[in-house]
């Protein structure tokens, strides 16, 4: 049976650096909170394996602002890596994303690499809810032990995937890459610094 590799999107395939910068600017607009203070709070909660933006909002007493997906860019190695992996494995997406995810993946030129695209906006529940992972496995008709979840966030991607028996790859990109695996009951199966390092793994 061909193994399945499921990818997160944000800070995994898509670089969200400029989005995060703009979101902080928009969030603190009109407040007494500085960019550095809010950014530092996000870093702190990311290191604690927590929802860093939500927790920083609560800490600073601010409100959530819209995400500007037009500032997203694809990581330069993503196309090559997906093309290489798609020859040997079935590829899928499990992500917390807005309803336009499939169209955005098409715009980035990577949609056709995926056999399954599961987005939180389409099925009504979001990571870390284990139901989104189970839904994807049902769509793939594949047992959890024959799958890998590849994502940047320990809280959203790695922990819930481990709970249902998936194997995991933590990719240390974006704020999620600041997480602390020592706080987990079980380490990810693999830890990589970028997408290119996936090519060195034996799934």
N, C-alpha and C. Protein backbone atom coordinates (compact mmCIF):
# COMPACT_ATOMS: atom_id res chain seq x y z
N UNK A 1 0.85 -1.20 0.00
CA UNK A 1 0.00 0.00 0.00
C UNK A 1 0.88 1.25 0.00
N UNK A 2 0.57 2.16 -0.91
CA UNK A 2 1.31 3.41 -1.00
C UNK A 2 1.03 4.26 0.24
N UNK A 3 2.07 4.75 0.87
CA UNK A 3 1.88 5.58 2.06
C UNK A 3 1.35 6.97 1.68
N UNK A 4 0.70 7.58 2.66
CA UNK A 4 0.17 8.93 2.49
C UNK A 4 0.98 9.92 3.29
N UNK A 5 1.32 11.04 2.65
CA UNK A 5 1.95 12.16 3.34
C UNK A 5 0.97 13.32 3.32
N UNK A 6 0.51 13.73 4.50
CA UNK A 6 -0.41 14.86 4.61
C UNK A 6 0.36 16.10 5.07
N UNK A 7 0.12 17.19 4.38
CA UNK A 7 0.80 18.45 4.67
C UNK A 7 -0.15 19.48 5.27
N UNK A 8 0.35 20.23 6.23
CA UNK A 8 -0.26 21.49 6.61
C UNK A 8 0.07 22.48 5.48
N UNK A 9 -0.53 23.66 5.53
CA UNK A 9 -0.26 24.66 4.49
C UNK A 9 0.59 25.81 5.02
N UNK A 10 0.02 26.58 5.97
CA UNK A 10 0.73 27.76 6.47
C UNK A 10 2.03 27.43 7.18
N UNK A 11 3.10 28.11 6.81
CA UNK A 11 4.44 27.91 7.36
C UNK A 11 4.94 26.49 7.18
N UNK A 12 4.32 25.76 6.26
CA UNK A 12 4.77 24.42 5.89
C UNK A 12 5.08 24.41 4.40
N UNK A 13 4.07 24.70 3.58
CA UNK A 13 4.25 24.86 2.14
C UNK A 13 4.29 26.34 1.74
N UNK A 14 3.57 27.14 2.53
CA UNK A 14 3.42 28.56 2.22
C UNK A 14 4.11 29.41 3.28
N UNK A 15 4.93 30.35 2.83
CA UNK A 15 5.64 31.27 3.72
C UNK A 15 4.69 32.38 4.16
N UNK A 16 4.45 32.46 5.46
CA UNK A 16 3.50 33.43 6.01
C UNK A 16 4.19 34.61 6.69
N UNK A 17 5.48 34.78 6.46
CA UNK A 17 6.24 35.81 7.18
C UNK A 17 5.63 37.19 7.03
N UNK A 18 5.34 37.60 5.80
CA UNK A 18 4.79 38.94 5.59
C UNK A 18 3.37 39.05 6.12
N UNK A 19 2.62 37.96 6.07
CA UNK A 19 1.26 37.96 6.63
C UNK A 19 1.29 38.19 8.13
N UNK A 20 2.21 37.51 8.81
CA UNK A 20 2.31 37.67 10.26
C UNK A 20 2.71 39.10 10.62
N UNK A 21 3.65 39.66 9.87
CA UNK A 21 4.07 41.04 10.14
C UNK A 21 2.89 41.99 10.01
N UNK A 22 2.13 41.83 8.93
CA UNK A 22 1.00 42.73 8.70
C UNK A 22 -0.09 42.51 9.73
N UNK A 23 -0.29 41.25 10.13
CA UNK A 23 -1.33 40.97 11.12
C UNK A 23 -0.99 41.63 12.45
N UNK A 24 0.27 41.62 12.83
CA UNK A 24 0.67 42.29 14.07
C UNK A 24 0.43 43.79 13.96
N UNK A 25 0.81 44.38 12.83
CA UNK A 25 0.61 45.82 12.62
C UNK A 25 -0.87 46.17 12.72
N UNK A 26 -1.71 45.37 12.08
CA UNK A 26 -3.15 45.63 12.10
C UNK A 26 -3.74 45.41 13.49
N UNK A 27 -3.21 44.41 14.20
CA UNK A 27 -3.73 44.08 15.52
C UNK A 27 -3.47 45.18 16.54
N UNK A 28 -2.27 45.74 16.51
CA UNK A 28 -1.90 46.74 17.52
C UNK A 28 -2.31 48.15 17.12
N UNK A 29 -2.83 48.31 15.91
CA UNK A 29 -3.23 49.64 15.43
C UNK A 29 -4.22 50.30 16.40
N UNK A 30 -3.89 51.50 16.83
CA UNK A 30 -4.76 52.25 17.73
C UNK A 30 -4.60 51.89 19.19
N UNK A 31 -3.71 50.95 19.50
CA UNK A 31 -3.49 50.55 20.89
C UNK A 31 -2.16 51.11 21.39
N UNK A 32 -1.87 50.88 22.65
CA UNK A 32 -0.60 51.32 23.24
C UNK A 32 0.44 50.20 23.19
N UNK A 33 0.07 49.07 22.60
CA UNK A 33 0.98 47.92 22.51
C UNK A 33 1.94 48.12 21.34
N UNK A 34 3.22 47.92 21.59
CA UNK A 34 4.21 48.08 20.52
C UNK A 34 4.31 46.80 19.69
N UNK A 35 4.85 46.96 18.49
CA UNK A 35 5.07 45.81 17.62
C UNK A 35 5.95 44.78 18.33
N UNK A 36 7.03 45.28 18.94
CA UNK A 36 7.95 44.36 19.62
C UNK A 36 7.26 43.61 20.75
N UNK A 37 6.42 44.30 21.53
CA UNK A 37 5.75 43.65 22.67
C UNK A 37 4.83 42.54 22.19
N UNK A 38 4.05 42.80 21.14
CA UNK A 38 3.14 41.78 20.66
C UNK A 38 3.91 40.62 20.04
N UNK A 39 4.92 40.95 19.25
CA UNK A 39 5.76 39.92 18.63
C UNK A 39 6.41 39.04 19.70
N UNK A 40 6.91 39.66 20.76
CA UNK A 40 7.56 38.92 21.83
C UNK A 40 6.56 37.98 22.51
N UNK A 41 5.34 38.44 22.69
CA UNK A 41 4.31 37.58 23.28
C UNK A 41 4.02 36.38 22.39
N UNK A 42 3.95 36.60 21.08
CA UNK A 42 3.72 35.49 20.16
C UNK A 42 4.87 34.49 20.24
N UNK A 43 6.09 34.97 20.31
CA UNK A 43 7.24 34.09 20.44
C UNK A 43 7.16 33.26 21.72
N UNK A 44 6.80 33.92 22.81
CA UNK A 44 6.72 33.24 24.11
C UNK A 44 5.72 32.09 24.06
N UNK A 45 4.52 32.36 23.55
CA UNK A 45 3.49 31.32 23.53
C UNK A 45 3.82 30.23 22.51
N UNK A 46 4.49 30.59 21.43
CA UNK A 46 4.92 29.58 20.47
C UNK A 46 5.90 28.61 21.13
N UNK A 47 6.80 29.13 21.95
CA UNK A 47 7.77 28.29 22.66
C UNK A 47 7.10 27.38 23.67
N UNK A 48 5.88 27.75 24.09
CA UNK A 48 5.12 26.94 25.05
C UNK A 48 4.17 25.97 24.35
N UNK A 49 4.29 25.87 23.03
CA UNK A 49 3.44 24.97 22.22
C UNK A 49 1.97 25.35 22.33
N UNK A 50 1.71 26.65 22.35
CA UNK A 50 0.34 27.14 22.47
C UNK A 50 -0.05 27.92 21.23
N UNK A 51 -1.35 28.24 21.11
CA UNK A 51 -1.84 29.05 20.00
C UNK A 51 -1.33 30.47 20.19
N UNK A 52 -0.20 30.77 19.55
CA UNK A 52 0.55 31.97 19.87
C UNK A 52 -0.19 33.27 19.56
N UNK A 53 -0.93 33.33 18.48
CA UNK A 53 -1.65 34.57 18.16
C UNK A 53 -2.82 34.76 19.11
N UNK A 54 -3.60 33.73 19.31
CA UNK A 54 -4.76 33.81 20.21
C UNK A 54 -4.33 34.18 21.62
N UNK A 55 -3.28 33.55 22.11
CA UNK A 55 -2.81 33.82 23.47
C UNK A 55 -2.26 35.23 23.60
N UNK A 56 -1.55 35.70 22.56
CA UNK A 56 -1.02 37.07 22.59
C UNK A 56 -2.15 38.09 22.58
N UNK A 57 -3.21 37.80 21.83
CA UNK A 57 -4.39 38.68 21.83
C UNK A 57 -4.97 38.79 23.24
N UNK A 58 -5.15 37.65 23.89
CA UNK A 58 -5.73 37.64 25.23
C UNK A 58 -4.82 38.34 26.23
N UNK A 59 -3.53 38.13 26.11
CA UNK A 59 -2.56 38.75 27.02
C UNK A 59 -2.58 40.28 26.89
N UNK A 60 -2.73 40.76 25.66
CA UNK A 60 -2.68 42.21 25.41
C UNK A 60 -4.05 42.86 25.39
N UNK A 61 -5.10 42.05 25.49
CA UNK A 61 -6.45 42.60 25.49
C UNK A 61 -6.87 43.20 24.15
N UNK A 62 -6.44 42.56 23.07
CA UNK A 62 -6.73 43.06 21.73
C UNK A 62 -7.66 42.11 20.98
N UNK A 63 -8.15 42.56 19.84
CA UNK A 63 -9.10 41.76 19.06
C UNK A 63 -8.44 41.20 17.80
N UNK A 64 -8.95 40.06 17.38
CA UNK A 64 -8.47 39.40 16.17
C UNK A 64 -8.76 40.25 14.94
N UNK A 65 -7.82 40.28 14.00
CA UNK A 65 -8.00 41.02 12.75
C UNK A 65 -7.94 40.05 11.58
N UNK A 66 -8.46 40.42 10.42
CA UNK A 66 -8.46 39.53 9.26
C UNK A 66 -7.05 39.16 8.80
N UNK A 67 -6.93 37.95 8.30
CA UNK A 67 -5.68 37.43 7.73
C UNK A 67 -5.59 37.86 6.27
N UNK A 68 -4.47 38.39 5.85
CA UNK A 68 -4.31 38.87 4.49
C UNK A 68 -3.53 37.84 3.67
N UNK A 69 -4.27 36.90 3.11
CA UNK A 69 -3.65 35.79 2.38
C UNK A 69 -2.95 36.25 1.11
N UNK A 70 -3.27 37.45 0.62
CA UNK A 70 -2.60 37.94 -0.59
C UNK A 70 -1.11 38.18 -0.37
N UNK A 71 -0.67 38.20 0.89
CA UNK A 71 0.75 38.40 1.20
C UNK A 71 1.51 37.08 1.30
N UNK A 72 0.82 35.97 1.18
CA UNK A 72 1.47 34.66 1.25
C UNK A 72 2.34 34.42 0.02
N UNK A 73 3.43 33.73 0.20
CA UNK A 73 4.28 33.29 -0.91
C UNK A 73 4.62 31.82 -0.70
N UNK A 74 4.83 31.12 -1.78
CA UNK A 74 5.18 29.70 -1.67
C UNK A 74 6.67 29.57 -1.37
N UNK A 75 7.02 28.63 -0.49
CA UNK A 75 8.44 28.39 -0.26
C UNK A 75 9.08 27.94 -1.57
N UNK A 76 10.24 28.47 -1.92
CA UNK A 76 10.83 28.22 -3.25
C UNK A 76 11.08 26.75 -3.57
N UNK A 77 11.31 25.92 -2.56
CA UNK A 77 11.59 24.51 -2.82
C UNK A 77 10.34 23.64 -2.85
N UNK A 78 9.17 24.23 -2.57
CA UNK A 78 7.95 23.43 -2.42
C UNK A 78 7.60 22.65 -3.69
N UNK A 79 7.63 23.29 -4.83
CA UNK A 79 7.23 22.63 -6.07
C UNK A 79 8.12 21.42 -6.36
N UNK A 80 9.42 21.59 -6.26
CA UNK A 80 10.33 20.49 -6.54
C UNK A 80 10.13 19.33 -5.56
N UNK A 81 9.99 19.65 -4.28
CA UNK A 81 9.83 18.61 -3.25
C UNK A 81 8.53 17.85 -3.46
N UNK A 82 7.43 18.56 -3.71
CA UNK A 82 6.15 17.89 -3.93
C UNK A 82 6.17 17.03 -5.18
N UNK A 83 6.79 17.53 -6.23
CA UNK A 83 6.89 16.76 -7.47
C UNK A 83 7.66 15.46 -7.23
N UNK A 84 8.73 15.54 -6.48
CA UNK A 84 9.56 14.36 -6.19
C UNK A 84 8.78 13.36 -5.33
N UNK A 85 8.14 13.85 -4.27
CA UNK A 85 7.43 12.95 -3.35
C UNK A 85 6.19 12.33 -3.98
N UNK A 86 5.55 13.06 -4.89
CA UNK A 86 4.30 12.57 -5.48
C UNK A 86 4.50 11.33 -6.34
N UNK A 87 5.73 11.05 -6.74
CA UNK A 87 6.03 9.85 -7.52
C UNK A 87 5.95 8.61 -6.64
N UNK A 88 6.36 8.74 -5.39
CA UNK A 88 6.44 7.58 -4.48
C UNK A 88 5.27 7.48 -3.50
N UNK A 89 4.61 8.61 -3.23
CA UNK A 89 3.59 8.62 -2.18
C UNK A 89 2.32 9.32 -2.65
N UNK A 90 1.22 9.02 -1.96
CA UNK A 90 0.01 9.81 -2.13
C UNK A 90 0.14 11.04 -1.24
N UNK A 91 -0.21 12.19 -1.78
CA UNK A 91 -0.09 13.43 -1.02
C UNK A 91 -1.46 14.02 -0.71
N UNK A 92 -1.58 14.59 0.46
CA UNK A 92 -2.83 15.22 0.87
C UNK A 92 -2.57 16.47 1.69
N UNK A 93 -3.63 17.23 1.91
CA UNK A 93 -3.59 18.44 2.73
C UNK A 93 -4.56 18.28 3.89
N UNK A 94 -4.11 18.64 5.09
CA UNK A 94 -4.99 18.80 6.25
C UNK A 94 -4.64 20.15 6.85
N UNK A 95 -5.53 21.13 6.71
CA UNK A 95 -5.16 22.50 7.08
C UNK A 95 -6.35 23.30 7.60
N UNK A 96 -6.04 24.24 8.47
CA UNK A 96 -7.01 25.24 8.90
C UNK A 96 -6.89 26.42 7.95
N UNK A 97 -7.83 26.51 7.02
CA UNK A 97 -7.73 27.52 5.98
C UNK A 97 -9.11 28.06 5.62
N UNK A 98 -9.11 29.22 4.95
CA UNK A 98 -10.35 29.80 4.45
C UNK A 98 -10.86 29.02 3.25
N UNK A 99 -12.08 29.35 2.80
CA UNK A 99 -12.75 28.57 1.75
C UNK A 99 -12.05 28.61 0.39
N UNK A 100 -11.15 29.53 0.19
CA UNK A 100 -10.50 29.65 -1.12
C UNK A 100 -9.22 28.82 -1.22
N UNK A 101 -9.01 27.85 -0.33
CA UNK A 101 -7.74 27.13 -0.30
C UNK A 101 -7.40 26.48 -1.63
N UNK A 102 -8.32 25.73 -2.22
CA UNK A 102 -8.01 25.03 -3.47
C UNK A 102 -7.59 26.00 -4.56
N UNK A 103 -8.27 27.13 -4.65
CA UNK A 103 -7.92 28.12 -5.66
C UNK A 103 -6.54 28.70 -5.40
N UNK A 104 -6.22 28.95 -4.15
CA UNK A 104 -4.89 29.48 -3.83
C UNK A 104 -3.80 28.47 -4.15
N UNK A 105 -4.07 27.19 -3.88
CA UNK A 105 -3.10 26.15 -4.23
C UNK A 105 -2.89 26.09 -5.74
N UNK A 106 -3.98 26.30 -6.49
CA UNK A 106 -3.85 26.35 -7.96
C UNK A 106 -2.99 27.54 -8.38
N UNK A 107 -3.21 28.67 -7.76
CA UNK A 107 -2.43 29.86 -8.10
C UNK A 107 -0.95 29.66 -7.81
N UNK A 108 -0.66 28.91 -6.76
CA UNK A 108 0.74 28.62 -6.43
C UNK A 108 1.31 27.51 -7.30
N UNK A 109 0.46 26.85 -8.09
CA UNK A 109 0.91 25.82 -9.01
C UNK A 109 1.16 24.47 -8.40
N UNK A 110 0.56 24.19 -7.22
CA UNK A 110 0.83 22.91 -6.56
C UNK A 110 -0.42 22.08 -6.30
N UNK A 111 -1.57 22.55 -6.70
CA UNK A 111 -2.83 21.85 -6.40
C UNK A 111 -2.83 20.42 -6.95
N UNK A 112 -2.33 20.23 -8.14
CA UNK A 112 -2.42 18.92 -8.81
C UNK A 112 -1.56 17.84 -8.17
N UNK A 113 -0.69 18.21 -7.26
CA UNK A 113 0.12 17.20 -6.57
C UNK A 113 -0.70 16.44 -5.52
N UNK A 114 -1.85 16.98 -5.13
CA UNK A 114 -2.59 16.42 -3.99
C UNK A 114 -3.79 15.60 -4.42
N UNK A 115 -3.89 14.41 -3.84
CA UNK A 115 -5.05 13.55 -4.08
C UNK A 115 -6.24 13.98 -3.25
N UNK A 116 -5.96 14.56 -2.09
CA UNK A 116 -7.01 14.99 -1.16
C UNK A 116 -6.65 16.34 -0.57
N UNK A 117 -7.61 17.24 -0.53
CA UNK A 117 -7.43 18.54 0.14
C UNK A 117 -8.54 18.69 1.16
N UNK A 118 -8.17 18.66 2.44
CA UNK A 118 -9.13 18.79 3.53
C UNK A 118 -8.86 20.11 4.25
N UNK A 119 -9.82 21.02 4.16
CA UNK A 119 -9.70 22.33 4.78
C UNK A 119 -10.75 22.50 5.86
N UNK A 120 -10.39 23.11 6.96
CA UNK A 120 -11.31 23.30 8.08
C UNK A 120 -12.58 24.04 7.67
N UNK A 121 -12.45 24.98 6.75
CA UNK A 121 -13.61 25.77 6.34
C UNK A 121 -14.63 24.95 5.56
N UNK A 122 -14.19 23.84 5.01
CA UNK A 122 -15.09 23.00 4.20
C UNK A 122 -15.82 21.94 5.02
N UNK A 123 -15.24 21.53 6.15
CA UNK A 123 -15.85 20.42 6.89
C UNK A 123 -16.37 20.82 8.27
N UNK A 124 -16.10 22.06 8.69
CA UNK A 124 -16.74 22.56 9.90
C UNK A 124 -16.01 22.33 11.21
N UNK A 125 -14.84 21.73 11.19
CA UNK A 125 -14.03 21.64 12.40
C UNK A 125 -12.56 21.76 12.02
N UNK A 126 -11.79 22.25 12.99
CA UNK A 126 -10.42 22.66 12.70
C UNK A 126 -9.42 21.99 13.64
N UNK A 127 -8.21 21.87 13.17
CA UNK A 127 -7.13 21.39 14.04
C UNK A 127 -7.03 22.31 15.27
N UNK A 128 -6.79 21.77 16.44
CA UNK A 128 -6.33 20.41 16.75
C UNK A 128 -7.44 19.37 16.94
N UNK A 129 -8.65 19.67 16.56
CA UNK A 129 -9.74 18.70 16.64
C UNK A 129 -9.37 17.46 15.83
N UNK A 130 -9.33 16.32 16.48
CA UNK A 130 -8.89 15.09 15.81
C UNK A 130 -9.83 14.67 14.69
N UNK A 131 -11.05 15.19 14.68
CA UNK A 131 -12.00 14.80 13.64
C UNK A 131 -11.54 15.19 12.25
N UNK A 132 -10.77 16.27 12.13
CA UNK A 132 -10.31 16.69 10.80
C UNK A 132 -9.29 15.68 10.26
N UNK A 133 -8.48 15.13 11.14
CA UNK A 133 -7.51 14.11 10.73
C UNK A 133 -8.22 12.80 10.37
N UNK A 134 -9.18 12.42 11.20
CA UNK A 134 -9.93 11.20 10.93
C UNK A 134 -10.72 11.30 9.63
N UNK A 135 -11.26 12.49 9.37
CA UNK A 135 -11.98 12.72 8.11
C UNK A 135 -11.05 12.50 6.92
N UNK A 136 -9.84 13.05 7.01
CA UNK A 136 -8.87 12.89 5.91
C UNK A 136 -8.48 11.43 5.71
N UNK A 137 -8.29 10.71 6.80
CA UNK A 137 -7.93 9.29 6.70
C UNK A 137 -9.06 8.48 6.06
N UNK A 138 -10.29 8.84 6.40
CA UNK A 138 -11.43 8.15 5.79
C UNK A 138 -11.49 8.42 4.29
N UNK A 139 -11.23 9.67 3.91
CA UNK A 139 -11.21 10.01 2.49
C UNK A 139 -10.11 9.25 1.76
N UNK A 140 -8.99 9.06 2.44
CA UNK A 140 -7.85 8.35 1.83
C UNK A 140 -8.02 6.84 1.87
N UNK A 141 -8.97 6.37 2.70
CA UNK A 141 -9.17 4.94 2.89
C UNK A 141 -7.86 4.27 3.28
N UNK A 142 -7.21 4.89 4.28
CA UNK A 142 -5.88 4.43 4.67
C UNK A 142 -5.79 4.41 6.20
N UNK A 143 -5.22 3.36 6.78
CA UNK A 143 -5.04 3.32 8.23
C UNK A 143 -4.00 4.35 8.68
N UNK A 144 -4.17 4.85 9.89
CA UNK A 144 -3.31 5.91 10.40
C UNK A 144 -1.83 5.54 10.37
N UNK A 145 -1.52 4.28 10.63
CA UNK A 145 -0.12 3.87 10.71
C UNK A 145 0.61 3.94 9.37
N UNK A 146 -0.13 4.08 8.29
CA UNK A 146 0.49 4.20 6.96
C UNK A 146 0.54 5.65 6.49
N UNK A 147 0.39 6.58 7.42
CA UNK A 147 0.36 8.00 7.06
C UNK A 147 1.34 8.81 7.89
N UNK A 148 1.71 9.95 7.35
CA UNK A 148 2.52 10.93 8.05
C UNK A 148 1.83 12.28 7.98
N UNK A 149 1.86 13.02 9.08
CA UNK A 149 1.41 14.41 9.10
C UNK A 149 2.64 15.29 9.16
N UNK A 150 2.73 16.22 8.23
CA UNK A 150 3.89 17.11 8.14
C UNK A 150 3.40 18.54 8.40
N UNK A 151 3.87 19.15 9.48
CA UNK A 151 3.39 20.48 9.81
C UNK A 151 4.34 21.23 10.72
N UNK A 152 4.08 22.53 10.85
CA UNK A 152 4.97 23.40 11.62
C UNK A 152 4.59 23.54 13.09
N UNK A 153 3.34 23.20 13.44
CA UNK A 153 2.90 23.45 14.81
C UNK A 153 2.74 22.15 15.59
N UNK A 154 3.41 22.10 16.73
CA UNK A 154 3.31 20.93 17.59
C UNK A 154 1.89 20.78 18.14
N UNK A 155 1.27 21.90 18.50
CA UNK A 155 -0.07 21.85 19.11
C UNK A 155 -1.15 21.49 18.10
N UNK A 156 -1.06 22.01 16.91
CA UNK A 156 -2.10 21.82 15.90
C UNK A 156 -1.89 20.61 15.01
N UNK A 157 -0.66 20.30 14.69
CA UNK A 157 -0.34 19.27 13.70
C UNK A 157 0.17 17.97 14.32
N UNK A 158 1.16 18.09 15.17
CA UNK A 158 1.88 16.91 15.64
C UNK A 158 1.11 16.16 16.73
N UNK A 159 0.71 16.85 17.79
CA UNK A 159 0.06 16.18 18.93
C UNK A 159 -1.23 15.46 18.52
N UNK A 160 -2.18 16.13 17.85
CA UNK A 160 -3.41 15.42 17.51
C UNK A 160 -3.20 14.28 16.52
N UNK A 161 -2.26 14.45 15.59
CA UNK A 161 -1.96 13.37 14.64
C UNK A 161 -1.40 12.15 15.38
N UNK A 162 -0.52 12.40 16.34
CA UNK A 162 0.04 11.30 17.13
C UNK A 162 -1.07 10.57 17.89
N UNK A 163 -2.02 11.33 18.40
CA UNK A 163 -3.09 10.73 19.21
C UNK A 163 -3.91 9.70 18.44
N UNK A 164 -4.04 9.89 17.15
CA UNK A 164 -4.85 8.94 16.37
C UNK A 164 -3.99 7.93 15.63
N UNK A 165 -2.69 7.91 15.92
CA UNK A 165 -1.83 6.87 15.37
C UNK A 165 -1.06 7.23 14.12
N UNK A 166 -1.17 8.47 13.65
CA UNK A 166 -0.37 8.89 12.50
C UNK A 166 1.08 9.09 12.93
N UNK A 167 1.98 8.91 12.01
CA UNK A 167 3.37 9.28 12.25
C UNK A 167 3.53 10.75 11.87
N UNK A 168 4.58 11.38 12.36
CA UNK A 168 4.64 12.84 12.23
C UNK A 168 6.02 13.35 11.83
N UNK A 169 6.00 14.48 11.13
CA UNK A 169 7.22 15.22 10.78
C UNK A 169 6.99 16.67 11.18
N UNK A 170 7.80 17.15 12.09
CA UNK A 170 7.73 18.55 12.50
C UNK A 170 8.70 19.36 11.66
N UNK A 171 8.19 20.34 10.92
CA UNK A 171 9.03 21.21 10.10
C UNK A 171 9.15 22.56 10.80
N UNK A 172 10.36 22.93 11.16
CA UNK A 172 10.60 24.09 12.03
C UNK A 172 10.65 25.38 11.23
N UNK A 173 9.48 25.81 10.80
CA UNK A 173 9.36 27.05 10.04
C UNK A 173 8.31 27.94 10.72
N UNK A 174 8.46 29.26 10.57
CA UNK A 174 7.50 30.19 11.13
C UNK A 174 7.51 30.17 12.66
N UNK A 175 6.50 30.78 13.26
CA UNK A 175 6.39 30.80 14.73
C UNK A 175 6.28 29.39 15.29
N UNK A 176 5.58 28.51 14.58
CA UNK A 176 5.43 27.14 15.06
C UNK A 176 6.76 26.43 15.24
N UNK A 177 7.75 26.84 14.46
CA UNK A 177 9.08 26.23 14.56
C UNK A 177 9.80 26.55 15.86
N UNK A 178 9.23 27.46 16.65
CA UNK A 178 9.83 27.81 17.94
C UNK A 178 9.37 26.87 19.05
N UNK A 179 8.48 25.94 18.72
CA UNK A 179 7.91 25.03 19.72
C UNK A 179 8.96 24.19 20.43
N UNK A 180 8.54 23.59 21.54
CA UNK A 180 9.46 22.80 22.37
C UNK A 180 9.00 21.35 22.42
N UNK A 181 9.62 20.47 21.66
CA UNK A 181 9.21 19.06 21.64
C UNK A 181 9.47 18.34 22.95
N UNK A 182 10.33 18.90 23.82
CA UNK A 182 10.60 18.28 25.11
C UNK A 182 9.36 18.27 25.99
N UNK A 183 8.39 19.12 25.68
CA UNK A 183 7.15 19.17 26.45
C UNK A 183 6.13 18.12 25.99
N UNK A 184 6.43 17.41 24.92
CA UNK A 184 5.52 16.41 24.39
C UNK A 184 5.72 15.06 25.07
N UNK A 185 4.66 14.28 25.13
CA UNK A 185 4.80 12.93 25.69
C UNK A 185 5.53 12.01 24.72
N UNK A 186 5.43 12.31 23.42
CA UNK A 186 6.11 11.53 22.38
C UNK A 186 6.72 12.47 21.36
N UNK A 187 7.98 12.28 21.03
CA UNK A 187 8.65 13.13 20.05
C UNK A 187 8.07 12.87 18.65
N UNK A 188 8.14 13.86 17.76
CA UNK A 188 7.81 13.60 16.35
C UNK A 188 8.75 12.52 15.80
N UNK A 189 8.30 11.79 14.81
CA UNK A 189 9.15 10.76 14.20
C UNK A 189 10.36 11.39 13.53
N UNK A 190 10.15 12.54 12.92
CA UNK A 190 11.24 13.27 12.28
C UNK A 190 11.11 14.76 12.59
N UNK A 191 12.25 15.43 12.64
CA UNK A 191 12.28 16.89 12.78
C UNK A 191 13.17 17.43 11.67
N UNK A 192 12.64 18.36 10.88
CA UNK A 192 13.40 18.94 9.76
C UNK A 192 13.35 20.46 9.85
N UNK A 193 14.32 21.10 9.22
CA UNK A 193 14.40 22.56 9.25
C UNK A 193 13.69 23.20 8.06
N UNK A 194 13.51 22.44 6.98
CA UNK A 194 12.88 22.99 5.79
C UNK A 194 12.36 21.86 4.91
N UNK A 195 11.64 22.22 3.87
CA UNK A 195 11.02 21.23 2.99
C UNK A 195 12.05 20.34 2.30
N UNK A 196 13.17 20.90 1.91
CA UNK A 196 14.17 20.11 1.18
C UNK A 196 14.65 18.90 1.98
N UNK A 197 14.66 19.01 3.31
CA UNK A 197 15.14 17.91 4.13
C UNK A 197 14.19 16.72 4.10
N UNK A 198 12.96 16.92 3.63
CA UNK A 198 12.03 15.78 3.49
C UNK A 198 12.56 14.76 2.50
N UNK A 199 13.36 15.20 1.55
CA UNK A 199 13.86 14.31 0.53
C UNK A 199 14.87 13.30 1.09
N UNK A 200 15.37 13.56 2.29
CA UNK A 200 16.37 12.67 2.90
C UNK A 200 15.72 11.63 3.82
N UNK A 201 14.41 11.70 3.99
CA UNK A 201 13.74 10.82 4.95
C UNK A 201 13.25 9.53 4.29
N UNK A 202 13.21 8.49 5.09
CA UNK A 202 12.68 7.20 4.66
C UNK A 202 11.30 7.02 5.30
N UNK A 203 10.26 7.28 4.54
CA UNK A 203 8.91 7.18 5.08
C UNK A 203 8.43 5.72 5.07
